[in-house]
């Protein structure tokens, strides 16, 4: 009965239903794909990276990325501009991934629907977009880190994942999951993100 109850609980979490989370800080990178070729990403959607749509950012796209980020003088300013970059990238890939109507937050009814994304999809995609920017020398103050996860039911929190960047050894979450497609993601110190108990 205990395992049945746990299984039922797993169905209630947006990011756990297809993702097999483990304790704090763990993230299965095998579920997502980061860029393996210059400027090419595989956009995850359908929850747990069930579907993957290949998108190549053109030279014009890279110029747009460069214009969005510009040449910020501080890491804080660059993080503000990275929010705009991620929002732009989500809109840019939407025609291919079918994600223009992706809703933000907990949306279990959309599992396995093309274009709809849970936090595994969002964390993977955001990381991919940021890696493209980094590989093109657009980031001046940050490095792209691996996505991370928090919560695993036994600690009373829903599992949730986020993309991460680091500036001078200080990690920051760039969490696009709570927002609808093309909206500015949340950016905060990773320590603050880990301390949050918001549902995933």
Protein backbone atom coordinates (compact mmCIF):
# COMPACT_ATOMS: atom_id res chain seq x y z
CA UNK A 1 0.00 0.00 0.00
CA UNK A 2 2.85 2.38 0.83
CA UNK A 3 4.33 1.95 -2.67
CA UNK A 4 0.91 2.49 -4.23
CA UNK A 5 0.53 5.74 -2.29
CA UNK A 6 3.97 6.88 -3.37
CA UNK A 7 3.18 6.02 -6.98
CA UNK A 8 -0.01 8.04 -6.81
CA UNK A 9 1.89 10.97 -5.32
CA UNK A 10 4.36 10.85 -8.20
CA UNK A 11 1.54 11.37 -10.67
CA UNK A 12 0.72 14.67 -8.99
CA UNK A 13 4.04 16.33 -9.66
CA UNK A 14 4.59 18.09 -12.95
CA UNK A 15 8.24 17.20 -13.31
CA UNK A 16 8.28 13.80 -11.69
CA UNK A 17 5.66 12.05 -13.74
CA UNK A 18 8.19 11.20 -16.44
CA UNK A 19 11.54 12.05 -14.94
CA UNK A 20 12.62 9.80 -12.05
CA UNK A 21 14.04 12.45 -9.75
CA UNK A 22 16.47 11.74 -6.94
CA UNK A 23 17.63 13.90 -4.00
CA UNK A 24 18.80 17.51 -3.98
CA UNK A 25 21.19 18.61 -6.67
CA UNK A 26 20.79 15.60 -8.93
CA UNK A 27 19.82 15.88 -12.59
CA UNK A 28 19.84 13.18 -15.23
CA UNK A 29 21.49 14.83 -18.21
CA UNK A 30 20.73 11.77 -20.33
CA UNK A 31 17.12 12.91 -20.47
CA UNK A 32 17.99 16.07 -22.38
CA UNK A 33 20.35 16.88 -25.19
CA UNK A 34 22.64 19.90 -25.18
CA UNK A 35 24.11 21.26 -28.40
CA UNK A 36 26.38 18.76 -30.12
CA UNK A 37 26.93 20.83 -33.26
CA UNK A 38 27.57 24.52 -33.72
CA UNK A 39 24.41 26.51 -32.98
CA UNK A 40 22.14 23.44 -33.14
CA UNK A 41 19.89 22.46 -30.23
CA UNK A 42 17.31 19.77 -29.63
CA UNK A 43 14.26 21.40 -28.07
CA UNK A 44 12.69 19.11 -25.47
CA UNK A 45 8.92 19.03 -25.08
CA UNK A 46 6.08 16.68 -24.18
CA UNK A 47 7.34 16.37 -20.56
CA UNK A 48 10.53 14.59 -19.57
CA UNK A 49 12.01 15.35 -23.02
CA UNK A 50 9.57 12.89 -24.60
CA UNK A 51 9.84 14.73 -27.92
CA UNK A 52 12.93 16.46 -29.35
CA UNK A 53 12.86 18.98 -32.18
CA UNK A 54 16.12 20.02 -33.84
CA UNK A 55 16.59 23.76 -34.31
CA UNK A 56 19.65 25.47 -35.75
CA UNK A 57 20.21 29.11 -34.85
CA UNK A 58 21.19 31.04 -37.97
CA UNK A 59 23.86 33.71 -38.24
CA UNK A 60 21.07 36.27 -38.01
CA UNK A 61 19.84 34.58 -34.82
CA UNK A 62 23.31 34.77 -33.30
CA UNK A 63 23.47 38.46 -34.18
CA UNK A 64 20.13 38.91 -32.43
CA UNK A 65 21.44 37.09 -29.36
CA UNK A 66 24.50 39.31 -29.37
CA UNK A 67 22.34 42.42 -29.63
CA UNK A 68 20.05 41.28 -26.77
CA UNK A 69 22.92 40.60 -24.38
CA UNK A 70 25.12 43.46 -25.57
CA UNK A 71 28.18 44.30 -23.50
CA UNK A 72 26.98 44.55 -19.91
CA UNK A 73 29.49 45.94 -17.43
CA UNK A 74 28.41 43.76 -14.52
CA UNK A 75 27.25 40.19 -13.97
CA UNK A 76 24.01 41.49 -12.47
CA UNK A 77 23.22 43.41 -15.63
CA UNK A 78 24.12 40.42 -17.77
CA UNK A 79 21.68 38.23 -15.82
CA UNK A 80 18.92 40.73 -16.57
CA UNK A 81 19.75 40.51 -20.24
CA UNK A 82 19.95 36.70 -20.13
CA UNK A 83 16.30 36.70 -19.07
CA UNK A 84 15.49 38.50 -22.33
CA UNK A 85 17.70 36.12 -24.28
CA UNK A 86 15.91 33.04 -22.95
CA UNK A 87 12.48 34.60 -23.61
CA UNK A 88 13.54 35.43 -27.18
CA UNK A 89 14.94 31.92 -27.75
CA UNK A 90 11.68 30.33 -26.60
CA UNK A 91 9.78 32.37 -29.17
CA UNK A 92 12.39 31.63 -31.84
CA UNK A 93 12.09 27.83 -31.50
CA UNK A 94 8.32 27.80 -30.99
CA UNK A 95 7.34 27.36 -34.67
CA UNK A 96 9.46 24.21 -34.92
CA UNK A 97 8.66 22.74 -31.50
CA UNK A 98 5.02 23.79 -31.55
CA UNK A 99 5.51 25.44 -28.17
CA UNK A 100 3.99 28.89 -28.77
CA UNK A 101 1.10 28.00 -26.45
CA UNK A 102 3.17 26.27 -23.78
CA UNK A 103 1.65 27.14 -20.42
CA UNK A 104 3.68 27.93 -17.35
CA UNK A 105 3.70 26.01 -14.08
CA UNK A 106 1.98 22.82 -13.04
CA UNK A 107 0.04 21.52 -16.05
CA UNK A 108 -0.29 17.74 -15.70
CA UNK A 109 -3.07 17.58 -18.26
CA UNK A 110 -0.52 18.48 -20.93
CA UNK A 111 1.80 15.54 -20.36
CA UNK A 112 2.87 13.93 -23.65
CA UNK A 113 1.41 16.82 -25.62
CA UNK A 114 3.75 18.19 -28.26
CA UNK A 115 4.90 21.71 -27.49
CA UNK A 116 4.04 21.53 -23.78
CA UNK A 117 6.96 21.52 -21.36
CA UNK A 118 7.60 20.45 -17.79
CA UNK A 119 10.60 21.62 -15.79
CA UNK A 120 12.87 18.92 -17.24
CA UNK A 121 12.16 20.24 -20.72
CA UNK A 122 12.53 23.86 -19.61
CA UNK A 123 15.79 23.35 -17.70
CA UNK A 124 17.29 21.41 -20.60
CA UNK A 125 16.18 23.91 -23.24
CA UNK A 126 17.29 26.97 -21.29
CA UNK A 127 20.70 25.36 -20.77
CA UNK A 128 20.94 24.67 -24.51
CA UNK A 129 20.12 28.27 -25.45
CA UNK A 130 22.66 29.59 -22.97
CA UNK A 131 25.32 27.19 -24.27
CA UNK A 132 24.79 28.47 -27.81
CA UNK A 133 25.31 32.01 -26.51
CA UNK A 134 28.42 30.96 -24.59
CA UNK A 135 29.88 29.08 -27.56
CA UNK A 136 29.53 32.23 -29.64
CA UNK A 137 31.36 34.39 -27.10
CA UNK A 138 28.23 36.31 -26.11
CA UNK A 139 28.50 35.76 -22.35
CA UNK A 140 31.06 38.02 -20.70
CA UNK A 141 30.44 37.45 -16.99
CA UNK A 142 28.89 33.98 -16.73
CA UNK A 143 29.61 30.35 -17.40
CA UNK A 144 26.85 27.85 -18.10
CA UNK A 145 26.61 25.10 -15.48
CA UNK A 146 24.70 21.81 -15.48
CA UNK A 147 21.01 21.93 -14.56
CA UNK A 148 20.12 20.95 -11.01
CA UNK A 149 17.05 19.66 -9.17
CA UNK A 150 15.48 20.16 -5.77
CA UNK A 151 12.92 18.20 -3.79
CA UNK A 152 12.08 14.50 -3.88
CA UNK A 153 8.73 14.14 -2.04
CA UNK A 154 10.30 12.65 1.08
CA UNK A 155 11.45 16.13 2.05
CA UNK A 156 7.92 17.48 1.59
CA UNK A 157 8.59 19.28 -1.71
CA UNK A 158 7.73 18.54 -5.29
CA UNK A 159 10.78 17.82 -7.45
CA UNK A 160 11.77 20.68 -9.70
CA UNK A 161 14.69 21.47 -12.04
CA UNK A 162 16.33 24.62 -13.31
CA UNK A 163 19.10 25.82 -15.59
CA UNK A 164 22.13 27.34 -13.86
CA UNK A 165 24.77 29.94 -14.67
CA UNK A 166 27.74 30.91 -12.54
CA UNK A 167 29.51 34.25 -12.08
CA UNK A 168 32.73 34.42 -10.05
CA UNK A 169 31.90 31.08 -8.48
CA UNK A 170 28.38 32.18 -7.47
CA UNK A 171 25.63 30.03 -9.06
CA UNK A 172 22.28 31.44 -10.16
CA UNK A 173 19.09 29.67 -11.20
CA UNK A 174 17.47 30.66 -14.49
CA UNK A 175 14.05 29.07 -14.10
CA UNK A 176 11.71 29.40 -17.08
CA UNK A 177 9.24 26.69 -16.03
CA UNK A 178 6.79 28.89 -14.04
CA UNK A 179 6.24 31.16 -17.06
CA UNK A 180 4.40 30.66 -20.32
CA UNK A 181 6.38 30.47 -23.55
CA UNK A 182 8.40 33.60 -24.28
CA UNK A 183 7.97 35.23 -20.87
CA UNK A 184 10.94 36.36 -18.80
CA UNK A 185 12.26 33.54 -16.57
CA UNK A 186 12.94 33.83 -12.86
CA UNK A 187 16.58 34.51 -12.00
CA UNK A 188 17.85 34.22 -8.43
CA UNK A 189 20.81 32.93 -6.41
CA UNK A 190 20.77 29.15 -6.56
CA UNK A 191 20.80 28.98 -2.77
CA UNK A 192 17.53 30.96 -2.73
CA UNK A 193 16.06 28.68 -5.38
CA UNK A 194 16.99 25.56 -3.40
CA UNK A 195 15.35 27.02 -0.29
CA UNK A 196 12.06 27.58 -2.10
CA UNK A 197 9.27 25.07 -1.51
CA UNK A 198 7.17 26.02 -4.52
CA UNK A 199 5.57 23.13 -6.35
CA UNK A 200 7.18 21.94 -9.53
